[in-house]
Structures are given as structure tokens and as C-alpha cells.
Amino acid sequence: MFEKSYPQISKINRLRLWLQNYNPYYNYIEFVQVAWQLSNDERKLLNKRIKEFAKDERLQSFLDQIPVTELIVETKSSKTYKCKWRNIYYNNGSIQVFFDKYTSSEDYLWESAREEWNLLTQEYFNRRRIDDVITTVNSNNQITKISGLEDIEVKIVIAEVHKNGATEGKTNITSSQISKIIHNISARNQCINFLASQSSVYNVLDIQELVTDDYGSLRRDVSFIFPIPNTKGNVYLIWESAEFEKSKATHIFKCSEEELENAESKIKDFIESNLRTRSRLNSVKYDDIEVKRELQYFCRVNHDTVEYQVWENRMREVLPFLK
């Protein structure tokens, strides 16, 4: 009988019934959304019971790392918090922001969010710089404004690219996500910023470079090809890594505008399916020279170990039409 009426019972009443042992269905994610409506005594009971149940919950790893948020602005009708990436719990198509272990916002629609991001972020975000998430909620703990999700989305996409490399798979990146990644990285990577600022009617391509790490494990690194035309009917396809490694030289290919689509396809396939991509492009062996000829390889430009301007000057010497 209880099962049939359960959907019609409000969240807060489901929680109160659970606290009194009348509701057998424990739902931590749902309960913390309405915990703010409890009395002090009910709140103490909730905290006690959650500790008992959480020991066997799959959410324990998430619970253990939730930091307390910082309340930075409070008005009669709203509160604004400074949150960390660890305060965000991902559902399929929405998120919750946790203000502590026992209180969260209501669901906030974010269509790209997926539940598996909870594990992914815990795996890949540690020891990485992630911007704070500033969250404003109304008196019902509904999010009315939130900033910082774009930075998190960019880093999640990059983490998915790295992770999928272990199985030689590739991550589907939308044109919108490509733009966000380039915008996000441009602030810290002057080379990407320089190339992204060039005038071009052609779309930037995401390239998921297949590499091995120091332990011999496969991963994929995020990089881009910037197709930049000159005024003579040619397009220079400039391959630049987004991974901030000075050892990764800039490689340039050249084709006519009519050949562009075919050239892009060949170059993308070569980079994403070879483990020795860079060494082959640097090679003078006959077989590798033939491959480079087929790809219409133009040249490489090395990064200086210290000065960005050295690299830019080299690029302008090779491609004088760059702005």
C-alpha cells in the first residue's frame, strides 16, 4: 500500500516518515535537498541516521570528501556560496550543490551532466586547479544563479579524453565544447590563444592524440588543428597540443583550399591511430618521408623551453601572413 502512495508524498514528508521508520526507502540524494526544512531535533536525528546508513552506501566516497562551503553573501531572499568541485553531485541531466554533508540544493538542470562524472572527477580532478563555483540559491534552496560550470565541463571533457585513451577509444566532442575548451585554455596557453585569434573561415578540429605515459599506459591528449588560409588559395593546418608540454612541437601541414576536407581527414586519422606520430613526423626514414609527403607535411616549429615570444617569432618567420 505504501508503495502505491509513495510518489504522491512530498519529499519532506518522505524524509520525516523515514526518520520515524515508517518509510523503508532510504534516498540520501533526495533527503538532503529538503533537510533545511527540518526542526533542530529532526536535523540531529537525520545526521545520526545518515551516518549509520552511509557506511554501506555507494555515496560514501562522495560524502567523505565534501567540504563545507563558504557563505559569501546573504540577503533576505537568497544566499551565495563559494563552492569547490567536490561540492557538486552529478545526476543524469542535472546537478546538486552540497553545502555540507547533510544539505544540498534542489536539482539544477544541466543537460550534459551524467552520473558517471562523480567517479570521473574524483579520479582526475585531484591535484588540479579547478576554479571555484559560485552558487546563489533562494529561500527554498533552488539555484537561481551559478558560475564556474564551464571550467568544470572543459576539464571533464579533457579527463574523458585521457581516460578513453586506455582503450584506444575516442570521446565525442561537440563544436560547442571545442569552443569552450579553446576559450578556457587560451587564458593560460599563449600558443593556443595566438592561433585561435587568427582570422579563418574554417572550423578548428579537435585531435585526440594517442600517446603512452611514463608507465607504458595508453592515454589520449587533447590537441587541435587550426586551418588558417593565406591569400593565395592555400590553407595551413597547424597542429598544436593543449597539454602544456614544451617538448611537443607545433607541426604544420599545407594544402589547397579544394583539398582541405580530404587533408583534414587524413591528418586526423594519422594522428589518432599512431603511437609514434611525433617521432614519425620528425623522422628522415624513407617510409616516414613518404607518409609526410602523403599528408602534405610542411614543417615543424619548436617551442622554446622558457620564452613564448621565441615560438611566436618562429611561427611568423615560417608563415609571414599570420597576424
C-alpha atoms as a PDB file:
ATOM      1  CA  MET A   1       0.000   0.000   0.000  1.00  0.00           C
ATOM      2  CA  PHE A   2       2.825   2.396   0.901  1.00  0.00           C
ATOM      3  CA  GLU A   3       4.498   1.695  -2.449  1.00  0.00           C
ATOM      4  CA  LYS A   4       1.456   2.915  -4.382  1.00  0.00           C
ATOM      5  CA  SER A   5       1.121   6.175  -2.471  1.00  0.00           C
ATOM      6  CA  TYR A   6       4.865   6.919  -2.303  1.00  0.00           C
ATOM      7  CA  PRO A   7       5.109   9.070  -5.474  1.00  0.00           C
ATOM      8  CA  GLN A   8       2.361  11.363  -4.174  1.00  0.00           C
ATOM      9  CA  ILE A   9       4.111  12.010  -0.850  1.00  0.00           C
ATOM     10  CA  SER A  10       6.212  15.184  -0.783  1.00  0.00           C
ATOM     11  CA  LYS A  11       9.980  14.908  -0.333  1.00  0.00           C
ATOM     12  CA  ILE A  12       9.923  16.427   3.134  1.00  0.00           C
ATOM     13  CA  ASN A  13       7.212  14.020   4.296  1.00  0.00           C
ATOM     14  CA  ARG A  14       9.096  11.077   2.833  1.00  0.00           C
ATOM     15  CA  LEU A  15      12.072  12.182   4.894  1.00  0.00           C
ATOM     16  CA  ARG A  16      10.065  12.632   8.092  1.00  0.00           C
ATOM     17  CA  LEU A  17       8.468   9.215   7.623  1.00  0.00           C
ATOM     18  CA  TRP A  18      11.906   7.696   7.127  1.00  0.00           C
ATOM     19  CA  LEU A  19      13.176   9.334  10.315  1.00  0.00           C
ATOM     20  CA  GLN A  20      10.285   7.708  12.179  1.00  0.00           C
ATOM     21  CA  ASN A  21      10.909   4.319  10.497  1.00  0.00           C
ATOM     22  CA  TYR A  22       7.653   4.414   8.535  1.00  0.00           C
ATOM     23  CA  ASN A  23       9.364   4.860   5.164  1.00  0.00           C
ATOM     24  CA  PRO A  24      11.693   1.958   4.295  1.00  0.00           C
ATOM     25  CA  TYR A  25      13.240   3.704   1.303  1.00  0.00           C
ATOM     26  CA  TYR A  26      16.498   5.457   2.104  1.00  0.00           C
ATOM     27  CA  ASN A  27      17.358   8.107  -0.519  1.00  0.00           C
ATOM     28  CA  TYR A  28      20.254  10.268   0.620  1.00  0.00           C
ATOM     29  CA  ILE A  29      20.347  12.399  -2.536  1.00  0.00           C
ATOM     30  CA  GLU A  30      16.678  13.280  -2.148  1.00  0.00           C
ATOM     31  CA  PHE A  31      16.651  13.727   1.646  1.00  0.00           C
ATOM     32  CA  VAL A  32      19.452  16.299   1.760  1.00  0.00           C
ATOM     33  CA  GLN A  33      17.535  18.508  -0.655  1.00  0.00           C
ATOM     34  CA  VAL A  34      14.782  19.117   1.884  1.00  0.00           C
ATOM     35  CA  ALA A  35      16.747  18.737   5.139  1.00  0.00           C
ATOM     36  CA  TRP A  36      16.735  22.507   5.609  1.00  0.00           C
ATOM     37  CA  GLN A  37      13.017  22.294   6.436  1.00  0.00           C
ATOM     38  CA  LEU A  38      13.592  20.077   9.495  1.00  0.00           C
ATOM     39  CA  SER A  39      13.492  21.254  13.078  1.00  0.00           C
ATOM     40  CA  ASN A  40      16.718  21.213  15.094  1.00  0.00           C
ATOM     41  CA  ASP A  41      15.776  17.944  16.777  1.00  0.00           C
ATOM     42  CA  GLU A  42      14.826  16.352  13.463  1.00  0.00           C
ATOM     43  CA  ARG A  43      18.089  17.565  11.986  1.00  0.00           C
ATOM     44  CA  LYS A  44      20.118  15.914  14.742  1.00  0.00           C
ATOM     45  CA  LEU A  45      18.248  12.676  14.159  1.00  0.00           C
ATOM     46  CA  LEU A  46      18.884  12.909  10.409  1.00  0.00           C
ATOM     47  CA  ASN A  47      22.618  13.417  10.903  1.00  0.00           C
ATOM     48  CA  LYS A  48      22.762  10.408  13.202  1.00  0.00           C
ATOM     49  CA  ARG A  49      20.782   8.124  10.918  1.00  0.00           C
ATOM     50  CA  ILE A  50      22.663   9.138   7.772  1.00  0.00           C
ATOM     51  CA  LYS A  51      25.953   8.244   9.451  1.00  0.00           C
ATOM     52  CA  GLU A  52      24.540   4.799  10.215  1.00  0.00           C
ATOM     53  CA  PHE A  53      23.273   4.204   6.681  1.00  0.00           C
ATOM     54  CA  ALA A  54      26.116   5.847   4.753  1.00  0.00           C
ATOM     55  CA  LYS A  55      28.638   3.195   5.820  1.00  0.00           C
ATOM     56  CA  ASP A  56      27.149   0.805   3.296  1.00  0.00           C
ATOM     57  CA  GLU A  57      26.175   3.374   0.700  1.00  0.00           C
ATOM     58  CA  ARG A  58      27.868   3.813  -2.664  1.00  0.00           C
ATOM     59  CA  LEU A  59      27.851   7.531  -1.874  1.00  0.00           C
ATOM     60  CA  GLN A  60      30.318   7.142   0.963  1.00  0.00           C
ATOM     61  CA  SER A  61      33.320   8.154  -1.134  1.00  0.00           C
ATOM     62  CA  PHE A  62      31.462  11.290  -2.178  1.00  0.00           C
ATOM     63  CA  LEU A  63      30.376  12.061   1.388  1.00  0.00           C
ATOM     64  CA  ASP A  64      33.900  11.729   2.732  1.00  0.00           C
ATOM     65  CA  GLN A  65      35.280  14.476   0.520  1.00  0.00           C
ATOM     66  CA  ILE A  66      32.513  17.126   0.678  1.00  0.00           C
ATOM     67  CA  PRO A  67      33.973  20.390   2.002  1.00  0.00           C
ATOM     68  CA  VAL A  68      31.854  22.938   3.842  1.00  0.00           C
ATOM     69  CA  THR A  69      31.021  25.821   1.522  1.00  0.00           C
ATOM     70  CA  GLU A  70      31.763  29.460   2.321  1.00  0.00           C
ATOM     71  CA  LEU A  71      28.755  31.763   2.640  1.00  0.00           C
ATOM     72  CA  ILE A  72      29.890  34.991   0.976  1.00  0.00           C
ATOM     73  CA  VAL A  73      26.636  36.975   0.536  1.00  0.00           C
ATOM     74  CA  GLU A  74      23.309  36.728   2.327  1.00  0.00           C
ATOM     75  CA  THR A  75      20.118  38.700   1.752  1.00  0.00           C
ATOM     76  CA  LYS A  76      16.554  38.266   2.953  1.00  0.00           C
ATOM     77  CA  SER A  77      15.700  36.115  -0.055  1.00  0.00           C
ATOM     78  CA  SER A  78      18.982  34.489  -1.121  1.00  0.00           C
ATOM     79  CA  LYS A  79      22.353  33.102  -0.128  1.00  0.00           C
ATOM     80  CA  THR A  80      25.508  32.975  -2.234  1.00  0.00           C
ATOM     81  CA  TYR A  81      28.169  30.353  -1.565  1.00  0.00           C
ATOM     82  CA  LYS A  82      31.717  29.799  -2.736  1.00  0.00           C
ATOM     83  CA  CYS A  83      31.893  26.099  -3.569  1.00  0.00           C
ATOM     84  CA  LYS A  84      34.533  23.623  -4.704  1.00  0.00           C
ATOM     85  CA  TRP A  85      34.180  20.994  -7.388  1.00  0.00           C
ATOM     86  CA  ARG A  86      33.823  18.449  -4.577  1.00  0.00           C
ATOM     87  CA  ASN A  87      30.511  20.071  -3.582  1.00  0.00           C
ATOM     88  CA  ILE A  88      28.852  19.061  -6.853  1.00  0.00           C
ATOM     89  CA  TYR A  89      26.956  15.819  -7.263  1.00  0.00           C
ATOM     90  CA  TYR A  90      26.068  14.823 -10.839  1.00  0.00           C
ATOM     91  CA  ASN A  91      22.790  13.236 -11.840  1.00  0.00           C
ATOM     92  CA  ASN A  92      21.809  12.421 -15.406  1.00  0.00           C
ATOM     93  CA  GLY A  93      20.828  15.805 -16.803  1.00  0.00           C
ATOM     94  CA  SER A  94      21.128  17.759 -13.562  1.00  0.00           C
ATOM     95  CA  ILE A  95      23.366  18.522 -10.595  1.00  0.00           C
ATOM     96  CA  GLN A  96      23.040  19.203  -6.890  1.00  0.00           C
ATOM     97  CA  VAL A  97      25.340  21.511  -4.970  1.00  0.00           C
ATOM     98  CA  PHE A  98      26.078  20.302  -1.426  1.00  0.00           C
ATOM     99  CA  PHE A  99      26.644  22.995   1.184  1.00  0.00           C
ATOM    100  CA  ASP A 100      27.757  20.397   3.727  1.00  0.00           C
ATOM    101  CA  LYS A 101      27.277  16.634   4.095  1.00  0.00           C
ATOM    102  CA  TYR A 102      23.632  16.963   5.052  1.00  0.00           C
ATOM    103  CA  THR A 103      22.279  19.863   2.977  1.00  0.00           C
ATOM    104  CA  SER A 104      22.089  20.368  -0.769  1.00  0.00           C
ATOM    105  CA  SER A 105      20.330  22.459  -3.353  1.00  0.00           C
ATOM    106  CA  GLU A 106      17.358  21.239  -5.323  1.00  0.00           C
ATOM    107  CA  ASP A 107      18.146  19.701  -8.729  1.00  0.00           C
ATOM    108  CA  TYR A 108      19.616  22.213 -11.165  1.00  0.00           C
ATOM    109  CA  LEU A 109      19.101  21.382 -14.841  1.00  0.00           C
ATOM    110  CA  TRP A 110      22.387  20.771 -16.670  1.00  0.00           C
ATOM    111  CA  GLU A 111      21.604  18.594 -19.661  1.00  0.00           C
ATOM    112  CA  SER A 112      25.156  17.447 -20.348  1.00  0.00           C
ATOM    113  CA  ALA A 113      25.683  16.145 -16.779  1.00  0.00           C
ATOM    114  CA  ARG A 114      25.982  12.399 -16.282  1.00  0.00           C
ATOM    115  CA  GLU A 115      26.074  10.323 -13.117  1.00  0.00           C
ATOM    116  CA  GLU A 116      29.412   8.719 -14.022  1.00  0.00           C
ATOM    117  CA  TRP A 117      31.044  12.147 -13.704  1.00  0.00           C
ATOM    118  CA  ASN A 118      31.037  11.682  -9.911  1.00  0.00           C
ATOM    119  CA  LEU A 119      33.654   8.959 -10.173  1.00  0.00           C
ATOM    120  CA  LEU A 120      35.472  10.625 -13.069  1.00  0.00           C
ATOM    121  CA  THR A 121      36.008  13.893 -11.192  1.00  0.00           C
ATOM    122  CA  GLN A 122      37.250  12.092  -8.090  1.00  0.00           C
ATOM    123  CA  GLU A 123      39.724  10.183 -10.248  1.00  0.00           C
ATOM    124  CA  TYR A 124      41.038  13.050 -12.346  1.00  0.00           C
ATOM    125  CA  PHE A 125      40.465  16.354 -10.529  1.00  0.00           C
ATOM    126  CA  ASN A 126      42.700  15.807  -7.517  1.00  0.00           C
ATOM    127  CA  ARG A 127      45.832  17.989  -7.583  1.00  0.00           C
ATOM    128  CA  ARG A 128      44.432  20.005 -10.497  1.00  0.00           C
ATOM    129  CA  ARG A 129      43.484  23.635 -10.336  1.00  0.00           C
ATOM    130  CA  ILE A 130      39.707  23.971 -10.641  1.00  0.00           C
ATOM    131  CA  ASP A 131      38.041  27.368 -10.347  1.00  0.00           C
ATOM    132  CA  ASP A 132      35.560  27.964  -7.527  1.00  0.00           C
ATOM    133  CA  VAL A 133      31.868  27.536  -8.307  1.00  0.00           C
ATOM    134  CA  ILE A 134      29.792  30.493  -7.107  1.00  0.00           C
ATOM    135  CA  THR A 135      26.231  29.408  -6.356  1.00  0.00           C
ATOM    136  CA  THR A 136      23.234  31.551  -5.399  1.00  0.00           C
ATOM    137  CA  VAL A 137      20.091  29.896  -4.007  1.00  0.00           C
ATOM    138  CA  ASN A 138      16.724  31.255  -2.970  1.00  0.00           C
ATOM    139  CA  SER A 139      14.927  30.584   0.310  1.00  0.00           C
ATOM    140  CA  ASN A 140      13.891  27.135  -0.972  1.00  0.00           C
ATOM    141  CA  ASN A 141      17.476  26.134  -1.818  1.00  0.00           C
ATOM    142  CA  GLN A 142      16.741  26.368  -5.528  1.00  0.00           C
ATOM    143  CA  ILE A 143      19.712  27.555  -7.574  1.00  0.00           C
ATOM    144  CA  THR A 144      18.986  30.902  -9.194  1.00  0.00           C
ATOM    145  CA  LYS A 145      22.498  31.607 -10.459  1.00  0.00           C
ATOM    146  CA  ILE A 146      25.681  29.571 -10.799  1.00  0.00           C
ATOM    147  CA  SER A 147      29.067  30.322 -12.351  1.00  0.00           C
ATOM    148  CA  GLY A 148      32.082  28.081 -12.857  1.00  0.00           C
ATOM    149  CA  LEU A 149      30.384  25.102 -14.501  1.00  0.00           C
ATOM    150  CA  GLU A 150      32.028  25.853 -17.849  1.00  0.00           C
ATOM    151  CA  ASP A 151      35.504  25.383 -16.383  1.00  0.00           C
ATOM    152  CA  ILE A 152      34.403  22.088 -14.858  1.00  0.00           C
ATOM    153  CA  GLU A 153      32.830  20.892 -18.112  1.00  0.00           C
ATOM    154  CA  VAL A 154      36.033  21.625 -20.020  1.00  0.00           C
ATOM    155  CA  LYS A 155      38.144  19.659 -17.560  1.00  0.00           C
ATOM    156  CA  ILE A 156      35.647  16.785 -17.537  1.00  0.00           C
ATOM    157  CA  VAL A 157      35.829  16.543 -21.341  1.00  0.00           C
ATOM    158  CA  ILE A 158      39.638  16.506 -21.176  1.00  0.00           C
ATOM    159  CA  ALA A 159      39.522  13.859 -18.427  1.00  0.00           C
ATOM    160  CA  GLU A 160      37.218  11.716 -20.589  1.00  0.00           C
ATOM    161  CA  VAL A 161      39.637  12.040 -23.495  1.00  0.00           C
ATOM    162  CA  HIS A 162      42.529  10.890 -21.283  1.00  0.00           C
ATOM    163  CA  LYS A 163      40.553   8.026 -19.786  1.00  0.00           C
ATOM    164  CA  ASN A 164      39.226   6.705 -23.083  1.00  0.00           C
ATOM    165  CA  GLY A 165      42.761   6.529 -24.421  1.00  0.00           C
ATOM    166  CA  ALA A 166      43.327   3.497 -22.192  1.00  0.00           C
ATOM    167  CA  THR A 167      41.082   1.515 -24.520  1.00  0.00           C
ATOM    168  CA  GLU A 168      42.147   3.398 -27.658  1.00  0.00           C
ATOM    169  CA  GLY A 169      38.677   4.906 -27.794  1.00  0.00           C
ATOM    170  CA  LYS A 170      37.815   8.485 -28.558  1.00  0.00           C
ATOM    171  CA  THR A 171      35.487  10.936 -26.866  1.00  0.00           C
ATOM    172  CA  ASN A 172      32.872  12.726 -28.901  1.00  0.00           C
ATOM    173  CA  ILE A 173      33.432  16.461 -28.530  1.00  0.00           C
ATOM    174  CA  THR A 174      30.786  18.855 -29.798  1.00  0.00           C
ATOM    175  CA  SER A 175      31.610  22.093 -31.604  1.00  0.00           C
ATOM    176  CA  SER A 176      30.290  23.972 -28.568  1.00  0.00           C
ATOM    177  CA  GLN A 177      32.650  22.064 -26.276  1.00  0.00           C
ATOM    178  CA  ILE A 178      35.581  22.698 -28.625  1.00  0.00           C
ATOM    179  CA  SER A 179      34.902  26.434 -28.379  1.00  0.00           C
ATOM    180  CA  LYS A 180      34.704  26.220 -24.583  1.00  0.00           C
ATOM    181  CA  ILE A 181      37.953  24.248 -24.348  1.00  0.00           C
ATOM    182  CA  ILE A 182      39.826  26.694 -26.574  1.00  0.00           C
ATOM    183  CA  HIS A 183      38.431  29.670 -24.649  1.00  0.00           C
ATOM    184  CA  ASN A 184      39.328  28.040 -21.327  1.00  0.00           C
ATOM    185  CA  ILE A 185      42.837  27.052 -22.378  1.00  0.00           C
ATOM    186  CA  SER A 186      43.613  30.311 -24.191  1.00  0.00           C
ATOM    187  CA  ALA A 187      43.772  32.164 -20.893  1.00  0.00           C
ATOM    188  CA  ARG A 188      46.738  30.001 -19.828  1.00  0.00           C
ATOM    189  CA  ASN A 189      48.266  28.796 -23.080  1.00  0.00           C
ATOM    190  CA  GLN A 190      49.584  31.671 -25.177  1.00  0.00           C
ATOM    191  CA  CYS A 191      50.224  29.449 -28.199  1.00  0.00           C
ATOM    192  CA  ILE A 192      46.597  28.294 -28.369  1.00  0.00           C
ATOM    193  CA  ASN A 193      45.482  31.894 -27.838  1.00  0.00           C
ATOM    194  CA  PHE A 194      47.693  33.110 -30.699  1.00  0.00           C
ATOM    195  CA  LEU A 195      46.373  30.508 -33.135  1.00  0.00           C
ATOM    196  CA  ALA A 196      42.740  30.939 -32.076  1.00  0.00           C
ATOM    197  CA  SER A 197      42.993  34.698 -32.677  1.00  0.00           C
ATOM    198  CA  GLN A 198      43.929  34.275 -36.348  1.00  0.00           C
ATOM    199  CA  SER A 199      41.322  35.025 -38.990  1.00  0.00           C
ATOM    200  CA  SER A 200      39.913  31.859 -40.527  1.00  0.00           C
ATOM    201  CA  VAL A 201      36.603  30.820 -42.039  1.00  0.00           C
ATOM    202  CA  TYR A 202      37.373  27.177 -41.248  1.00  0.00           C
ATOM    203  CA  ASN A 203      36.401  25.290 -38.103  1.00  0.00           C
ATOM    204  CA  VAL A 204      39.010  24.159 -35.614  1.00  0.00           C
ATOM    205  CA  LEU A 205      39.353  20.356 -35.388  1.00  0.00           C
ATOM    206  CA  ASP A 206      39.792  18.508 -32.117  1.00  0.00           C
ATOM    207  CA  ILE A 207      42.565  15.931 -32.353  1.00  0.00           C
ATOM    208  CA  GLN A 208      42.840  13.217 -29.694  1.00  0.00           C
ATOM    209  CA  GLU A 209      46.486  12.266 -29.862  1.00  0.00           C
ATOM    210  CA  LEU A 210      47.241   8.670 -28.885  1.00  0.00           C
ATOM    211  CA  VAL A 211      50.289   8.515 -26.587  1.00  0.00           C
ATOM    212  CA  THR A 212      51.853   6.348 -23.893  1.00  0.00           C
ATOM    213  CA  ASP A 213      52.649   7.712 -20.450  1.00  0.00           C
ATOM    214  CA  ASP A 214      55.804   7.091 -18.410  1.00  0.00           C
ATOM    215  CA  TYR A 215      54.395   3.760 -17.211  1.00  0.00           C
ATOM    216  CA  GLY A 216      53.562   2.464 -20.674  1.00  0.00           C
ATOM    217  CA  SER A 217      49.800   3.018 -20.342  1.00  0.00           C
ATOM    218  CA  LEU A 218      47.800   4.426 -23.226  1.00  0.00           C
ATOM    219  CA  ARG A 219      46.027   7.740 -22.999  1.00  0.00           C
ATOM    220  CA  ARG A 220      44.781  10.416 -25.340  1.00  0.00           C
ATOM    221  CA  ASP A 221      45.934  14.027 -25.179  1.00  0.00           C
ATOM    222  CA  VAL A 222      43.792  16.944 -26.272  1.00  0.00           C
ATOM    223  CA  SER A 223      45.096  18.938 -29.214  1.00  0.00           C
ATOM    224  CA  PHE A 224      43.723  20.975 -32.109  1.00  0.00           C
ATOM    225  CA  ILE A 225      44.283  21.612 -35.781  1.00  0.00           C
ATOM    226  CA  PHE A 226      43.820  25.258 -36.745  1.00  0.00           C
ATOM    227  CA  PRO A 227      43.199  25.573 -40.523  1.00  0.00           C
ATOM    228  CA  ILE A 228      44.449  29.059 -41.397  1.00  0.00           C
ATOM    229  CA  PRO A 229      44.331  30.273 -45.035  1.00  0.00           C
ATOM    230  CA  ASN A 230      46.743  32.654 -46.685  1.00  0.00           C
ATOM    231  CA  THR A 231      45.722  34.943 -49.532  1.00  0.00           C
ATOM    232  CA  LYS A 232      46.963  32.622 -52.288  1.00  0.00           C
ATOM    233  CA  GLY A 233      44.447  29.789 -52.138  1.00  0.00           C
ATOM    234  CA  ASN A 234      46.358  27.641 -49.658  1.00  0.00           C
ATOM    235  CA  VAL A 235      45.442  26.519 -46.149  1.00  0.00           C
ATOM    236  CA  TYR A 236      47.988  25.790 -43.428  1.00  0.00           C
ATOM    237  CA  LEU A 237      46.824  23.194 -40.945  1.00  0.00           C
ATOM    238  CA  ILE A 238      48.600  23.956 -37.673  1.00  0.00           C
ATOM    239  CA  TRP A 239      48.587  21.152 -35.112  1.00  0.00           C
ATOM    240  CA  GLU A 240      49.059  22.395 -31.537  1.00  0.00           C
ATOM    241  CA  SER A 241      48.746  20.489 -28.271  1.00  0.00           C
ATOM    242  CA  ALA A 242      46.651  21.795 -25.393  1.00  0.00           C
ATOM    243  CA  GLU A 243      48.651  19.778 -22.857  1.00  0.00           C
ATOM    244  CA  PHE A 244      51.232  22.478 -21.985  1.00  0.00           C
ATOM    245  CA  GLU A 245      54.243  20.311 -22.841  1.00  0.00           C
ATOM    246  CA  LYS A 246      57.078  22.341 -24.340  1.00  0.00           C
ATOM    247  CA  SER A 247      58.525  19.180 -25.866  1.00  0.00           C
ATOM    248  CA  LYS A 248      55.510  18.879 -28.179  1.00  0.00           C
ATOM    249  CA  ALA A 249      56.496  20.866 -31.236  1.00  0.00           C
ATOM    250  CA  THR A 250      53.974  22.632 -33.454  1.00  0.00           C
ATOM    251  CA  HIS A 251      53.529  20.692 -36.702  1.00  0.00           C
ATOM    252  CA  ILE A 252      52.243  22.339 -39.873  1.00  0.00           C
ATOM    253  CA  PHE A 253      50.662  20.828 -42.972  1.00  0.00           C
ATOM    254  CA  LYS A 254      49.761  22.655 -46.188  1.00  0.00           C
ATOM    255  CA  CYS A 255      47.104  22.033 -48.819  1.00  0.00           C
ATOM    256  CA  SER A 256      44.964  23.892 -51.323  1.00  0.00           C
ATOM    257  CA  GLU A 257      41.522  25.066 -50.265  1.00  0.00           C
ATOM    258  CA  GLU A 258      39.976  22.458 -52.583  1.00  0.00           C
ATOM    259  CA  GLU A 259      41.899  19.672 -50.838  1.00  0.00           C
ATOM    260  CA  LEU A 260      41.152  20.802 -47.295  1.00  0.00           C
ATOM    261  CA  GLU A 261      38.430  18.335 -46.309  1.00  0.00           C
ATOM    262  CA  ASN A 262      40.412  15.337 -47.581  1.00  0.00           C
ATOM    263  CA  ALA A 263      43.645  16.610 -45.991  1.00  0.00           C
ATOM    264  CA  GLU A 264      41.969  17.127 -42.621  1.00  0.00           C
ATOM    265  CA  SER A 265      40.596  13.593 -42.665  1.00  0.00           C
ATOM    266  CA  LYS A 266      43.983  12.039 -43.490  1.00  0.00           C
ATOM    267  CA  ILE A 267      45.883  14.040 -40.881  1.00  0.00           C
ATOM    268  CA  LYS A 268      43.315  13.422 -38.134  1.00  0.00           C
ATOM    269  CA  ASP A 269      43.298   9.682 -38.826  1.00  0.00           C
ATOM    270  CA  PHE A 270      47.112   9.541 -38.834  1.00  0.00           C
ATOM    271  CA  ILE A 271      47.496  11.349 -35.500  1.00  0.00           C
ATOM    272  CA  GLU A 272      44.715   9.474 -33.725  1.00  0.00           C
ATOM    273  CA  SER A 273      45.746   5.983 -34.842  1.00  0.00           C
ATOM    274  CA  ASN A 274      49.543   6.079 -34.422  1.00  0.00           C
ATOM    275  CA  LEU A 275      51.548   5.799 -31.228  1.00  0.00           C
ATOM    276  CA  ARG A 276      54.668   7.225 -32.889  1.00  0.00           C
ATOM    277  CA  THR A 277      53.018  10.217 -34.518  1.00  0.00           C
ATOM    278  CA  ARG A 278      55.542  12.840 -33.489  1.00  0.00           C
ATOM    279  CA  SER A 279      58.630  10.696 -33.968  1.00  0.00           C
ATOM    280  CA  ARG A 280      57.445   9.772 -37.466  1.00  0.00           C
ATOM    281  CA  LEU A 281      56.871  13.421 -38.353  1.00  0.00           C
ATOM    282  CA  ASN A 282      60.396  14.158 -37.130  1.00  0.00           C
ATOM    283  CA  SER A 283      61.897  11.122 -38.888  1.00  0.00           C
ATOM    284  CA  VAL A 284      64.070  11.128 -42.032  1.00  0.00           C
ATOM    285  CA  LYS A 285      63.496   7.432 -42.738  1.00  0.00           C
ATOM    286  CA  TYR A 286      62.231   6.700 -46.234  1.00  0.00           C
ATOM    287  CA  ASP A 287      58.868   5.239 -45.132  1.00  0.00           C
ATOM    288  CA  ASP A 288      58.186   8.195 -42.860  1.00  0.00           C
ATOM    289  CA  ILE A 289      59.160  10.694 -45.544  1.00  0.00           C
ATOM    290  CA  GLU A 290      56.624   9.035 -47.836  1.00  0.00           C
ATOM    291  CA  VAL A 291      53.942   9.316 -45.152  1.00  0.00           C
ATOM    292  CA  LYS A 292      54.716  13.008 -44.672  1.00  0.00           C
ATOM    293  CA  ARG A 293      54.535  13.582 -48.416  1.00  0.00           C
ATOM    294  CA  GLU A 294      51.124  11.926 -48.499  1.00  0.00           C
ATOM    295  CA  LEU A 295      49.981  14.141 -45.608  1.00  0.00           C
ATOM    296  CA  GLN A 296      51.428  17.256 -47.309  1.00  0.00           C
ATOM    297  CA  TYR A 297      53.618  17.942 -44.315  1.00  0.00           C
ATOM    298  CA  PHE A 298      55.104  21.439 -44.367  1.00  0.00           C
ATOM    299  CA  CYS A 299      57.379  21.852 -41.335  1.00  0.00           C
ATOM    300  CA  ARG A 300      57.628  21.887 -37.568  1.00  0.00           C
ATOM    301  CA  VAL A 301      58.202  24.803 -35.190  1.00  0.00           C
ATOM    302  CA  ASN A 302      59.814  24.001 -31.853  1.00  0.00           C
ATOM    303  CA  HIS A 303      58.740  25.595 -28.607  1.00  0.00           C
ATOM    304  CA  ASP A 304      61.311  27.475 -26.605  1.00  0.00           C
ATOM    305  CA  THR A 305      61.699  25.995 -23.130  1.00  0.00           C
ATOM    306  CA  VAL A 306      61.135  29.376 -21.470  1.00  0.00           C
ATOM    307  CA  GLU A 307      60.026  32.187 -23.773  1.00  0.00           C
ATOM    308  CA  TYR A 308      56.695  32.131 -25.584  1.00  0.00           C
ATOM    309  CA  GLN A 309      57.780  35.040 -27.819  1.00  0.00           C
ATOM    310  CA  VAL A 310      60.551  32.922 -29.330  1.00  0.00           C
ATOM    311  CA  TRP A 311      57.934  30.456 -30.582  1.00  0.00           C
ATOM    312  CA  GLU A 312      55.710  33.227 -31.952  1.00  0.00           C
ATOM    313  CA  ASN A 313      58.653  34.788 -33.808  1.00  0.00           C
ATOM    314  CA  ARG A 314      59.475  31.419 -35.348  1.00  0.00           C
ATOM    315  CA  MET A 315      55.855  30.993 -36.442  1.00  0.00           C
ATOM    316  CA  ARG A 316      55.851  34.405 -38.113  1.00  0.00           C
ATOM    317  CA  GLU A 317      59.081  33.597 -39.955  1.00  0.00           C
ATOM    318  CA  VAL A 318      57.562  30.394 -41.347  1.00  0.00           C
ATOM    319  CA  LEU A 319      54.113  31.902 -42.009  1.00  0.00           C
ATOM    320  CA  PRO A 320      54.561  35.660 -42.578  1.00  0.00           C
ATOM    321  CA  PHE A 321      50.830  36.206 -43.213  1.00  0.00           C
ATOM    322  CA  LEU A 322      49.948  35.476 -39.570  1.00  0.00           C
ATOM    323  CA  LYS A 323      48.586  38.488 -37.704  1.00  0.00           C
END
